[in-house]
């Protein structure tokens, strides 16, 4: 293996019908960098919530809702950086219309 290649280790578990937990560890063979990610996915009948946090102290959250029997999908996205307290929270909305 090349020293610059990245190794990925992932773990996914489903403790209940609606909840999934996941973790991922990425690292380079030359030990120059590594990153850890851990999060969850919570599923509802027509919606889900995904949230995770990285080893750089950044959190991400997405709430997705399907409306009118998959005629449209709306997503609310947020990102918060705990490492940089002066950086504002990012927020976004995505709207998908005409899904089949």
Protein backbone atom coordinates (compact mmCIF):
# COMPACT_ATOMS: atom_id res chain seq x y z
CA UNK A 1 0.00 0.00 0.00
CA UNK A 2 1.06 3.53 -0.72
CA UNK A 3 1.85 5.71 2.33
CA UNK A 4 -0.52 8.43 1.06
CA UNK A 5 -3.55 6.14 0.88
CA UNK A 6 -6.37 6.55 3.36
CA UNK A 7 -7.80 3.78 5.52
CA UNK A 8 -11.49 3.93 6.42
CA UNK A 9 -13.13 2.03 9.27
CA UNK A 10 -16.90 2.29 9.60
CA UNK A 11 -19.47 0.88 12.00
CA UNK A 12 -23.24 0.96 11.52
CA UNK A 13 -25.82 -0.37 13.95
CA UNK A 14 -29.60 -0.31 14.08
CA UNK A 15 -30.74 -0.45 17.73
CA UNK A 16 -34.42 0.00 16.77
CA UNK A 17 -36.61 0.08 13.67
CA UNK A 18 -36.33 3.88 13.40
CA UNK A 19 -32.84 4.62 14.70
CA UNK A 20 -29.48 4.01 13.02
CA UNK A 21 -26.15 4.91 14.63
CA UNK A 22 -22.94 5.24 12.63
CA UNK A 23 -19.27 6.04 13.14
CA UNK A 24 -16.36 6.38 10.76
CA UNK A 25 -12.63 6.73 11.29
CA UNK A 26 -10.38 7.87 8.44
CA UNK A 27 -6.62 7.90 8.69
CA UNK A 28 -3.57 8.04 6.47
CA UNK A 29 -0.85 5.41 6.69
CA UNK A 30 1.84 8.06 7.14
CA UNK A 31 -0.05 9.29 10.28
CA UNK A 32 -0.26 12.84 8.89
CA UNK A 33 -4.00 13.18 9.49
CA UNK A 34 -7.02 11.41 10.85
CA UNK A 35 -10.70 12.24 11.20
CA UNK A 36 -13.52 10.77 13.26
CA UNK A 37 -17.23 11.11 12.54
CA UNK A 38 -20.18 9.89 14.60
CA UNK A 39 -23.88 10.38 14.16
CA UNK A 40 -27.41 9.10 13.90
CA UNK A 41 -30.36 8.78 11.52
CA UNK A 42 -33.89 8.84 12.91
CA UNK A 43 -36.60 7.76 10.47
CA UNK A 44 -40.30 8.64 10.61
CA UNK A 45 -43.16 7.73 8.28
CA UNK A 46 -42.59 10.60 5.81
CA UNK A 47 -39.51 12.30 7.26
CA UNK A 48 -36.07 11.70 8.72
CA UNK A 49 -33.44 13.50 10.77
CA UNK A 50 -29.70 12.98 10.25
CA UNK A 51 -27.14 14.46 12.60
CA UNK A 52 -23.41 13.94 13.00
CA UNK A 53 -20.33 15.52 14.51
CA UNK A 54 -16.74 15.45 13.27
CA UNK A 55 -13.47 15.43 15.16
CA UNK A 56 -13.01 19.09 14.13
CA UNK A 57 -15.98 19.94 16.43
CA UNK A 58 -18.39 20.68 13.58
CA UNK A 59 -21.97 19.45 13.84
CA UNK A 60 -24.34 18.95 10.93
CA UNK A 61 -28.08 18.33 11.04
CA UNK A 62 -30.63 17.68 8.27
CA UNK A 63 -34.39 17.37 8.59
CA UNK A 64 -36.11 16.07 5.44
CA UNK A 65 -39.89 15.88 4.94
CA UNK A 66 -41.80 14.43 1.99
CA UNK A 67 -45.12 16.15 1.30
CA UNK A 68 -48.15 15.25 -0.80
CA UNK A 69 -47.20 11.61 -1.47
CA UNK A 70 -43.73 12.40 -2.81
CA UNK A 71 -44.84 15.36 -4.96
CA UNK A 72 -42.30 17.53 -3.11
CA UNK A 73 -39.48 17.25 -0.62
CA UNK A 74 -38.24 19.93 1.75
CA UNK A 75 -34.94 19.86 3.67
CA UNK A 76 -33.68 22.04 6.49
CA UNK A 77 -29.89 21.98 6.95
CA UNK A 78 -27.74 23.42 9.73
CA UNK A 79 -24.02 23.50 10.52
CA UNK A 80 -22.45 24.69 13.75
CA UNK A 81 -18.71 25.02 14.41
CA UNK A 82 -17.95 24.61 18.14
CA UNK A 83 -14.24 25.17 17.59
CA UNK A 84 -14.72 28.69 16.21
CA UNK A 85 -17.20 30.46 18.50
CA UNK A 86 -17.27 33.63 16.38
CA UNK A 87 -18.38 31.81 13.26
CA UNK A 88 -22.18 31.99 12.90
CA UNK A 89 -24.40 28.97 12.52
CA UNK A 90 -25.13 28.14 8.88
CA UNK A 91 -28.70 27.38 7.90
CA UNK A 92 -30.22 26.38 4.57
CA UNK A 93 -33.45 25.19 3.01
CA UNK A 94 -33.77 22.94 -0.06
CA UNK A 95 -37.06 22.45 -1.89
CA UNK A 96 -37.47 19.69 -4.48
CA UNK A 97 -40.70 19.79 -6.52
CA UNK A 98 -42.04 17.20 -8.94
CA UNK A 99 -40.56 14.00 -7.51
CA UNK A 100 -41.81 10.68 -8.87
